[in-house]
All heavy atoms as atom14 arrays in JSON, in Angstrom:
{
  "sequence": "WSEVPFGRYFLNSLVFSCSVVAIALFLNSMAGYAFARLQFK",
  "atom14_mask": [
    [1, 1, 1, 1, 1, 1, 1, 1, 1, 1, 1, 1, 1, 1],
    [1, 1, 1, 1, 1, 1, 0, 0, 0, 0, 0, 0, 0, 0],
    [1, 1, 1, 1, 1, 1, 1, 1, 1, 0, 0, 0, 0, 0],
    [1, 1, 1, 1, 1, 1, 1, 0, 0, 0, 0, 0, 0, 0],
    [1, 1, 1, 1, 1, 1, 1, 0, 0, 0, 0, 0, 0, 0],
    [1, 1, 1, 1, 1, 1, 1, 1, 1, 1, 1, 0, 0, 0],
    [1, 1, 1, 1, 0, 0, 0, 0, 0, 0, 0, 0, 0, 0],
    [1, 1, 1, 1, 1, 1, 1, 1, 1, 1, 1, 0, 0, 0],
    [1, 1, 1, 1, 1, 1, 1, 1, 1, 1, 1, 1, 0, 0],
    [1, 1, 1, 1, 1, 1, 1, 1, 1, 1, 1, 0, 0, 0],
    [1, 1, 1, 1, 1, 1, 1, 1, 0, 0, 0, 0, 0, 0],
    [1, 1, 1, 1, 1, 1, 1, 1, 0, 0, 0, 0, 0, 0],
    [1, 1, 1, 1, 1, 1, 0, 0, 0, 0, 0, 0, 0, 0],
    [1, 1, 1, 1, 1, 1, 1, 1, 0, 0, 0, 0, 0, 0],
    [1, 1, 1, 1, 1, 1, 1, 0, 0, 0, 0, 0, 0, 0],
    [1, 1, 1, 1, 1, 1, 1, 1, 1, 1, 1, 0, 0, 0],
    [1, 1, 1, 1, 1, 1, 0, 0, 0, 0, 0, 0, 0, 0],
    [1, 1, 1, 1, 1, 1, 0, 0, 0, 0, 0, 0, 0, 0],
    [1, 1, 1, 1, 1, 1, 0, 0, 0, 0, 0, 0, 0, 0],
    [1, 1, 1, 1, 1, 1, 1, 0, 0, 0, 0, 0, 0, 0],
    [1, 1, 1, 1, 1, 1, 1, 0, 0, 0, 0, 0, 0, 0],
    [1, 1, 1, 1, 1, 0, 0, 0, 0, 0, 0, 0, 0, 0],
    [1, 1, 1, 1, 1, 1, 1, 1, 0, 0, 0, 0, 0, 0],
    [1, 1, 1, 1, 1, 0, 0, 0, 0, 0, 0, 0, 0, 0],
    [1, 1, 1, 1, 1, 1, 1, 1, 0, 0, 0, 0, 0, 0],
    [1, 1, 1, 1, 1, 1, 1, 1, 1, 1, 1, 0, 0, 0],
    [1, 1, 1, 1, 1, 1, 1, 1, 0, 0, 0, 0, 0, 0],
    [1, 1, 1, 1, 1, 1, 1, 1, 0, 0, 0, 0, 0, 0],
    [1, 1, 1, 1, 1, 1, 0, 0, 0, 0, 0, 0, 0, 0],
    [1, 1, 1, 1, 1, 1, 1, 1, 0, 0, 0, 0, 0, 0],
    [1, 1, 1, 1, 1, 0, 0, 0, 0, 0, 0, 0, 0, 0],
    [1, 1, 1, 1, 0, 0, 0, 0, 0, 0, 0, 0, 0, 0],
    [1, 1, 1, 1, 1, 1, 1, 1, 1, 1, 1, 1, 0, 0],
    [1, 1, 1, 1, 1, 0, 0, 0, 0, 0, 0, 0, 0, 0],
    [1, 1, 1, 1, 1, 1, 1, 1, 1, 1, 1, 0, 0, 0],
    [1, 1, 1, 1, 1, 0, 0, 0, 0, 0, 0, 0, 0, 0],
    [1, 1, 1, 1, 1, 1, 1, 1, 1, 1, 1, 0, 0, 0],
    [1, 1, 1, 1, 1, 1, 1, 1, 0, 0, 0, 0, 0, 0],
    [1, 1, 1, 1, 1, 1, 1, 1, 1, 0, 0, 0, 0, 0],
    [1, 1, 1, 1, 1, 1, 1, 1, 1, 1, 1, 0, 0, 0],
    [1, 1, 1, 1, 1, 1, 1, 1, 1, 0, 0, 0, 0, 0]
  ],
  "atom14_positions": [
    [[-4.79, -13.88, -50.07], [-4.61, -15.29, -49.72], [-5.68, -16.17, -50.4], [-5.46, -17.36, -50.61], [-4.67, -15.51, -48.21], [-3.54, -14.85, -47.5], [-3.56, -13.65, -46.86], [-2.2, -15.35, -47.33], [-2.32, -13.37, -46.31], [-1.48, -14.39, -46.58], [-1.56, -16.52, -47.73], [-0.15, -14.57, -46.23], [-0.22, -16.69, -47.4], [0.46, -15.74, -46.65]],
    [[-6.81, -15.58, -50.73], [-7.9, -16.36, -51.32], [-7.9, -16.35, -52.84], [-8.28, -17.35, -53.47], [-9.25, -15.83, -50.81], [-9.44, -14.47, -51.16], [0.0, 0.0, 0.0], [0.0, 0.0, 0.0], [0.0, 0.0, 0.0], [0.0, 0.0, 0.0], [0.0, 0.0, 0.0], [0.0, 0.0, 0.0], [0.0, 0.0, 0.0], [0.0, 0.0, 0.0]],
    [[-7.46, -15.25, -53.47], [-7.55, -15.13, -54.93], [-6.31, -15.62, -55.65], [-6.37, -15.96, -56.83], [-7.85, -13.68, -55.32], [-9.21, -13.21, -54.86], [-9.66, -11.96, -55.6], [-8.95, -11.55, -56.56], [-10.68, -11.37, -55.2], [0.0, 0.0, 0.0], [0.0, 0.0, 0.0], [0.0, 0.0, 0.0], [0.0, 0.0, 0.0], [0.0, 0.0, 0.0]],
    [[-5.17, -15.63, -54.99], [-3.93, -16.14, -55.58], [-3.27, -17.08, -54.59], [-3.47, -16.95, -53.38], [-2.95, -14.99, -55.95], [-3.53, -14.1, -57.02], [-2.56, -14.2, -54.74], [0.0, 0.0, 0.0], [0.0, 0.0, 0.0], [0.0, 0.0, 0.0], [0.0, 0.0, 0.0], [0.0, 0.0, 0.0], [0.0, 0.0, 0.0], [0.0, 0.0, 0.0]],
    [[-2.5, -18.06, -55.07], [-1.82, -19.0, -54.14], [-0.6, -18.33, -53.47], [0.55, -18.75, -53.66], [-1.4, -20.15, -55.05], [-1.26, -19.55, -56.4], [-2.3, -18.46, -56.48], [0.0, 0.0, 0.0], [0.0, 0.0, 0.0], [0.0, 0.0, 0.0], [0.0, 0.0, 0.0], [0.0, 0.0, 0.0], [0.0, 0.0, 0.0], [0.0, 0.0, 0.0]],
    [[-0.88, -17.28, -52.7], [0.19, -16.51, -52.09], [1.02, -17.35, -51.13], [2.24, -17.18, -51.01], [-0.39, -15.29, -51.38], [0.62, -14.22, -51.06], [1.06, -13.34, -52.04], [1.14, -14.09, -49.79], [2.0, -12.37, -51.75], [2.06, -13.12, -49.48], [2.49, -12.25, -50.49], [0.0, 0.0, 0.0], [0.0, 0.0, 0.0], [0.0, 0.0, 0.0]],
    [[0.36, -18.23, -50.38], [1.08, -19.1, -49.47], [2.09, -19.98, -50.18], [3.18, -20.23, -49.67], [0.0, 0.0, 0.0], [0.0, 0.0, 0.0], [0.0, 0.0, 0.0], [0.0, 0.0, 0.0], [0.0, 0.0, 0.0], [0.0, 0.0, 0.0], [0.0, 0.0, 0.0], [0.0, 0.0, 0.0], [0.0, 0.0, 0.0], [0.0, 0.0, 0.0]],
    [[1.7, -20.48, -51.37], [2.62, -21.31, -52.15], [3.83, -20.51, -52.61], [4.97, -20.98, -52.57], [1.89, -21.89, -53.36], [2.74, -22.82, -54.2], [3.06, -24.11, -53.47], [4.16, -24.83, -54.09], [4.56, -26.03, -53.71], [3.95, -26.64, -52.7], [5.57, -26.64, -54.29], [0.0, 0.0, 0.0], [0.0, 0.0, 0.0], [0.0, 0.0, 0.0]],
    [[3.58, -19.28, -53.08], [4.69, -18.4, -53.49], [5.63, -18.15, -52.32], [6.86, -18.15, -52.48], [4.15, -17.08, -54.02], [3.24, -17.19, -55.21], [2.18, -16.28, -55.4], [3.41, -18.18, -56.16], [1.34, -16.36, -56.48], [2.57, -18.27, -57.27], [1.54, -17.35, -57.42], [0.7, -17.45, -58.5], [0.0, 0.0, 0.0], [0.0, 0.0, 0.0]],
    [[5.06, -17.9, -51.17], [5.84, -17.62, -49.97], [6.72, -18.83, -49.61], [7.9, -18.69, -49.3], [4.92, -17.28, -48.82], [5.49, -16.34, -47.81], [5.35, -14.97, -47.95], [6.17, -16.82, -46.71], [5.88, -14.1, -47.03], [6.7, -15.96, -45.78], [6.54, -14.59, -45.93], [0.0, 0.0, 0.0], [0.0, 0.0, 0.0], [0.0, 0.0, 0.0]],
    [[6.1, -20.02, -49.66], [6.85, -21.25, -49.35], [7.97, -21.47, -50.36], [9.08, -21.87, -49.99], [5.9, -22.44, -49.34], [6.53, -23.8, -49.11], [7.17, -23.86, -47.72], [5.49, -24.92, -49.26], [0.0, 0.0, 0.0], [0.0, 0.0, 0.0], [0.0, 0.0, 0.0], [0.0, 0.0, 0.0], [0.0, 0.0, 0.0], [0.0, 0.0, 0.0]],
    [[7.69, -21.23, -51.64], [8.71, -21.4, -52.66], [9.92, -20.51, -52.41], [11.07, -20.94, -52.53], [8.14, -21.11, -54.05], [7.14, -22.14, -54.52], [7.15, -23.28, -54.03], [6.27, -21.76, -55.43], [0.0, 0.0, 0.0], [0.0, 0.0, 0.0], [0.0, 0.0, 0.0], [0.0, 0.0, 0.0], [0.0, 0.0, 0.0], [0.0, 0.0, 0.0]],
    [[9.68, -19.25, -52.02], [10.78, -18.35, -51.75], [11.56, -18.79, -50.51], [12.79, -18.68, -50.48], [10.24, -16.93, -51.54], [9.88, -16.34, -52.76], [0.0, 0.0, 0.0], [0.0, 0.0, 0.0], [0.0, 0.0, 0.0], [0.0, 0.0, 0.0], [0.0, 0.0, 0.0], [0.0, 0.0, 0.0], [0.0, 0.0, 0.0], [0.0, 0.0, 0.0]],
    [[10.86, -19.29, -49.51], [11.54, -19.76, -48.3], [12.44, -20.96, -48.62], [13.6, -21.01, -48.2], [10.53, -20.14, -47.23], [9.94, -18.99, -46.41], [8.9, -19.55, -45.43], [11.02, -18.24, -45.65], [0.0, 0.0, 0.0], [0.0, 0.0, 0.0], [0.0, 0.0, 0.0], [0.0, 0.0, 0.0], [0.0, 0.0, 0.0], [0.0, 0.0, 0.0]],
    [[11.89, -21.93, -49.37], [12.68, -23.12, -49.74], [13.89, -22.71, -50.57], [15.02, -23.15, -50.33], [11.81, -24.13, -50.49], [12.66, -25.27, -51.03], [10.72, -24.68, -49.58], [0.0, 0.0, 0.0], [0.0, 0.0, 0.0], [0.0, 0.0, 0.0], [0.0, 0.0, 0.0], [0.0, 0.0, 0.0], [0.0, 0.0, 0.0], [0.0, 0.0, 0.0]],
    [[13.66, -21.86, -51.56], [14.72, -21.41, -52.46], [15.8, -20.65, -51.7], [16.99, -20.97, -51.73], [14.11, -20.58, -53.57], [15.09, -19.78, -54.38], [16.22, -20.36, -54.92], [14.86, -18.41, -54.59], [17.13, -19.61, -55.66], [15.76, -17.68, -55.34], [16.89, -18.26, -55.87], [0.0, 0.0, 0.0], [0.0, 0.0, 0.0], [0.0, 0.0, 0.0]],
    [[15.4, -19.61, -50.97], [16.37, -18.74, -50.31], [17.1, -19.44, -49.18], [18.33, -19.32, -49.06], [15.66, -17.49, -49.77], [15.02, -16.79, -50.8], [0.0, 0.0, 0.0], [0.0, 0.0, 0.0], [0.0, 0.0, 0.0], [0.0, 0.0, 0.0], [0.0, 0.0, 0.0], [0.0, 0.0, 0.0], [0.0, 0.0, 0.0], [0.0, 0.0, 0.0]],
    [[16.38, -20.17, -48.33], [17.04, -20.83, -47.19], [17.96, -21.95, -47.66], [19.03, -22.15, -47.07], [15.97, -21.37, -46.24], [15.02, -20.08, -45.41], [0.0, 0.0, 0.0], [0.0, 0.0, 0.0], [0.0, 0.0, 0.0], [0.0, 0.0, 0.0], [0.0, 0.0, 0.0], [0.0, 0.0, 0.0], [0.0, 0.0, 0.0], [0.0, 0.0, 0.0]],
    [[17.57, -22.67, -48.71], [18.44, -23.74, -49.23], [19.73, -23.15, -49.8], [20.82, -23.68, -49.59], [17.71, -24.53, -50.31], [16.56, -25.16, -49.78], [0.0, 0.0, 0.0], [0.0, 0.0, 0.0], [0.0, 0.0, 0.0], [0.0, 0.0, 0.0], [0.0, 0.0, 0.0], [0.0, 0.0, 0.0], [0.0, 0.0, 0.0], [0.0, 0.0, 0.0]],
    [[19.6, -22.06, -50.53], [20.79, -21.41, -51.1], [21.69, -20.9, -49.97], [22.92, -21.05, -50.05], [20.39, -20.24, -52.03], [21.61, -19.42, -52.44], [19.7, -20.78, -53.28], [0.0, 0.0, 0.0], [0.0, 0.0, 0.0], [0.0, 0.0, 0.0], [0.0, 0.0, 0.0], [0.0, 0.0, 0.0], [0.0, 0.0, 0.0], [0.0, 0.0, 0.0]],
    [[21.11, -20.33, -48.92], [21.92, -19.84, -47.79], [22.71, -20.98, -47.17], [23.92, -20.87, -46.93], [21.01, -19.17, -46.74], [21.79, -18.92, -45.45], [20.47, -17.85, -47.27], [0.0, 0.0, 0.0], [0.0, 0.0, 0.0], [0.0, 0.0, 0.0], [0.0, 0.0, 0.0], [0.0, 0.0, 0.0], [0.0, 0.0, 0.0], [0.0, 0.0, 0.0]],
    [[22.05, -22.11, -46.88], [22.71, -23.23, -46.23], [23.84, -23.8, -47.08], [24.96, -24.02, -46.59], [21.68, -24.32, -45.91], [0.0, 0.0, 0.0], [0.0, 0.0, 0.0], [0.0, 0.0, 0.0], [0.0, 0.0, 0.0], [0.0, 0.0, 0.0], [0.0, 0.0, 0.0], [0.0, 0.0, 0.0], [0.0, 0.0, 0.0], [0.0, 0.0, 0.0]],
    [[23.57, -24.01, -48.36], [24.6, -24.61, -49.25], [25.71, -23.62, -49.53], [26.91, -23.98, -49.51], [23.94, -25.1, -50.56], [22.9, -26.18, -50.26], [24.99, -25.64, -51.51], [22.07, -26.58, -51.46], [0.0, 0.0, 0.0], [0.0, 0.0, 0.0], [0.0, 0.0, 0.0], [0.0, 0.0, 0.0], [0.0, 0.0, 0.0], [0.0, 0.0, 0.0]],
    [[25.35, -22.37, -49.79], [26.35, -21.37, -50.16], [27.29, -21.07, -48.98], [28.48, -20.88, -49.18], [25.68, -20.09, -50.64], [0.0, 0.0, 0.0], [0.0, 0.0, 0.0], [0.0, 0.0, 0.0], [0.0, 0.0, 0.0], [0.0, 0.0, 0.0], [0.0, 0.0, 0.0], [0.0, 0.0, 0.0], [0.0, 0.0, 0.0], [0.0, 0.0, 0.0]],
    [[26.76, -21.02, -47.77], [27.64, -20.79, -46.62], [28.67, -21.9, -46.48], [29.83, -21.64, -46.18], [26.81, -20.66, -45.35], [26.01, -19.37, -45.15], [25.24, -19.42, -43.85], [26.91, -18.14, -45.18], [0.0, 0.0, 0.0], [0.0, 0.0, 0.0], [0.0, 0.0, 0.0], [0.0, 0.0, 0.0], [0.0, 0.0, 0.0], [0.0, 0.0, 0.0]],
    [[28.25, -23.12, -46.69], [29.16, -24.25, -46.58], [30.23, -24.2, -47.67], [31.43, -24.28, -47.39], [28.36, -25.55, -46.65], [29.21, -26.8, -46.65], [29.92, -27.17, -45.53], [29.29, -27.59, -47.78], [30.72, -28.31, -45.52], [30.08, -28.73, -47.79], [30.8, -29.08, -46.65], [0.0, 0.0, 0.0], [0.0, 0.0, 0.0], [0.0, 0.0, 0.0]],
    [[29.81, -24.05, -48.93], [30.76, -24.07, -50.03], [31.64, -22.82, -50.04], [32.86, -22.92, -50.28], [30.01, -24.2, -51.35], [29.22, -25.5, -51.57], [28.53, -25.49, -52.93], [30.13, -26.71, -51.47], [0.0, 0.0, 0.0], [0.0, 0.0, 0.0], [0.0, 0.0, 0.0], [0.0, 0.0, 0.0], [0.0, 0.0, 0.0], [0.0, 0.0, 0.0]],
    [[31.06, -21.66, -49.79], [31.86, -20.43, -49.81], [32.89, -20.43, -48.67], [34.02, -19.98, -48.86], [30.95, -19.21, -49.64], [30.11, -18.93, -50.87], [30.46, -19.38, -51.97], [29.03, -18.23, -50.7], [0.0, 0.0, 0.0], [0.0, 0.0, 0.0], [0.0, 0.0, 0.0], [0.0, 0.0, 0.0], [0.0, 0.0, 0.0], [0.0, 0.0, 0.0]],
    [[32.51, -20.97, -47.52], [33.46, -21.0, -46.41], [34.59, -21.99, -46.69], [35.76, -21.73, -46.34], [32.76, -21.37, -45.1], [32.18, -22.68, -45.18], [0.0, 0.0, 0.0], [0.0, 0.0, 0.0], [0.0, 0.0, 0.0], [0.0, 0.0, 0.0], [0.0, 0.0, 0.0], [0.0, 0.0, 0.0], [0.0, 0.0, 0.0], [0.0, 0.0, 0.0]],
    [[34.29, -23.13, -47.32], [35.34, -24.07, -47.66], [36.31, -23.46, -48.67], [37.53, -23.57, -48.52], [34.73, -25.35, -48.24], [34.04, -26.23, -47.21], [33.54, -27.82, -47.89], [35.12, -28.57, -48.21], [0.0, 0.0, 0.0], [0.0, 0.0, 0.0], [0.0, 0.0, 0.0], [0.0, 0.0, 0.0], [0.0, 0.0, 0.0], [0.0, 0.0, 0.0]],
    [[35.76, -22.81, -49.7], [36.63, -22.18, -50.69], [37.42, -21.03, -50.08], [38.61, -20.86, -50.37], [35.78, -21.69, -51.86], [0.0, 0.0, 0.0], [0.0, 0.0, 0.0], [0.0, 0.0, 0.0], [0.0, 0.0, 0.0], [0.0, 0.0, 0.0], [0.0, 0.0, 0.0], [0.0, 0.0, 0.0], [0.0, 0.0, 0.0], [0.0, 0.0, 0.0]],
    [[36.77, -20.23, -49.23], [37.48, -19.13, -48.58], [38.6, -19.61, -47.68], [39.67, -19.01, -47.65], [0.0, 0.0, 0.0], [0.0, 0.0, 0.0], [0.0, 0.0, 0.0], [0.0, 0.0, 0.0], [0.0, 0.0, 0.0], [0.0, 0.0, 0.0], [0.0, 0.0, 0.0], [0.0, 0.0, 0.0], [0.0, 0.0, 0.0], [0.0, 0.0, 0.0]],
    [[38.37, -20.71, -46.99], [39.42, -21.3, -46.14], [40.6, -21.78, -47.0], [41.76, -21.57, -46.64], [38.86, -22.46, -45.33], [39.89, -23.2, -44.52], [40.38, -22.66, -43.32], [40.4, -24.41, -44.95], [41.34, -23.32, -42.59], [41.37, -25.09, -44.22], [41.83, -24.54, -43.05], [42.79, -25.2, -42.3], [0.0, 0.0, 0.0], [0.0, 0.0, 0.0]],
    [[40.28, -22.42, -48.13], [41.35, -22.92, -48.99], [42.18, -21.77, -49.55], [43.44, -21.84, -49.55], [40.75, -23.74, -50.14], [0.0, 0.0, 0.0], [0.0, 0.0, 0.0], [0.0, 0.0, 0.0], [0.0, 0.0, 0.0], [0.0, 0.0, 0.0], [0.0, 0.0, 0.0], [0.0, 0.0, 0.0], [0.0, 0.0, 0.0], [0.0, 0.0, 0.0]],
    [[41.55, -20.7, -50.0], [42.3, -19.57, -50.55], [43.06, -18.8, -49.48], [44.09, -18.18, -49.78], [41.34, -18.62, -51.29], [40.94, -19.11, -52.66], [39.61, -19.38, -52.94], [41.87, -19.28, -53.65], [39.23, -19.82, -54.19], [41.5, -19.73, -54.91], [40.18, -20.0, -55.18], [0.0, 0.0, 0.0], [0.0, 0.0, 0.0], [0.0, 0.0, 0.0]],
    [[42.58, -18.8, -48.27], [43.24, -18.04, -47.21], [44.36, -18.82, -46.52], [45.36, -18.24, -46.13], [42.21, -17.61, -46.16], [0.0, 0.0, 0.0], [0.0, 0.0, 0.0], [0.0, 0.0, 0.0], [0.0, 0.0, 0.0], [0.0, 0.0, 0.0], [0.0, 0.0, 0.0], [0.0, 0.0, 0.0], [0.0, 0.0, 0.0], [0.0, 0.0, 0.0]],
    [[44.21, -20.15, -46.39], [45.1, -20.92, -45.53], [45.95, -21.95, -46.25], [47.02, -22.32, -45.74], [44.27, -21.64, -44.46], [43.52, -20.72, -43.52], [44.46, -19.76, -42.84], [43.88, -19.21, -41.61], [44.46, -18.33, -40.84], [45.66, -17.89, -41.14], [43.88, -17.86, -39.75], [0.0, 0.0, 0.0], [0.0, 0.0, 0.0], [0.0, 0.0, 0.0]],
    [[45.51, -22.45, -47.38], [46.24, -23.53, -48.04], [47.12, -22.97, -49.14], [46.75, -22.02, -49.84], [45.26, -24.55, -48.63], [44.28, -25.19, -47.65], [43.41, -26.24, -48.36], [45.01, -25.81, -46.47], [0.0, 0.0, 0.0], [0.0, 0.0, 0.0], [0.0, 0.0, 0.0], [0.0, 0.0, 0.0], [0.0, 0.0, 0.0], [0.0, 0.0, 0.0]],
    [[48.28, -23.57, -49.31], [49.21, -23.18, -50.36], [49.12, -24.21, -51.5], [49.37, -25.39, -51.29], [50.63, -23.13, -49.81], [50.84, -22.13, -48.69], [50.7, -20.7, -49.16], [50.98, -20.38, -50.33], [50.28, -19.82, -48.26], [0.0, 0.0, 0.0], [0.0, 0.0, 0.0], [0.0, 0.0, 0.0], [0.0, 0.0, 0.0], [0.0, 0.0, 0.0]],
    [[48.75, -23.76, -52.67], [48.71, -24.65, -53.84], [49.0, -23.83, -55.08], [48.82, -22.61, -55.12], [47.36, -25.36, -53.95], [46.16, -24.45, -53.98], [45.65, -23.96, -55.17], [45.53, -24.08, -52.77], [44.55, -23.14, -55.19], [44.42, -23.24, -52.8], [43.92, -22.77, -54.01], [0.0, 0.0, 0.0], [0.0, 0.0, 0.0], [0.0, 0.0, 0.0]],
    [[49.43, -24.5, -56.1], [49.86, -23.85, -57.33], [48.68, -23.18, -58.02], [47.62, -23.77, -58.19], [50.49, -24.89, -58.27], [51.16, -24.27, -59.48], [51.88, -25.33, -60.3], [52.59, -24.7, -61.5], [53.3, -25.74, -62.3], [0.0, 0.0, 0.0], [0.0, 0.0, 0.0], [0.0, 0.0, 0.0], [0.0, 0.0, 0.0], [0.0, 0.0, 0.0]]
  ]
}
């Protein structure tokens, strides 16, 4: 924690991973619903 900015690296991974989870769940579920339930050409 003292010799490298480990806390910053940890925060970057949290921001990156949690943001991807939130956005991907929303978009993937919308697309999955469309392919499962909606009829389109």
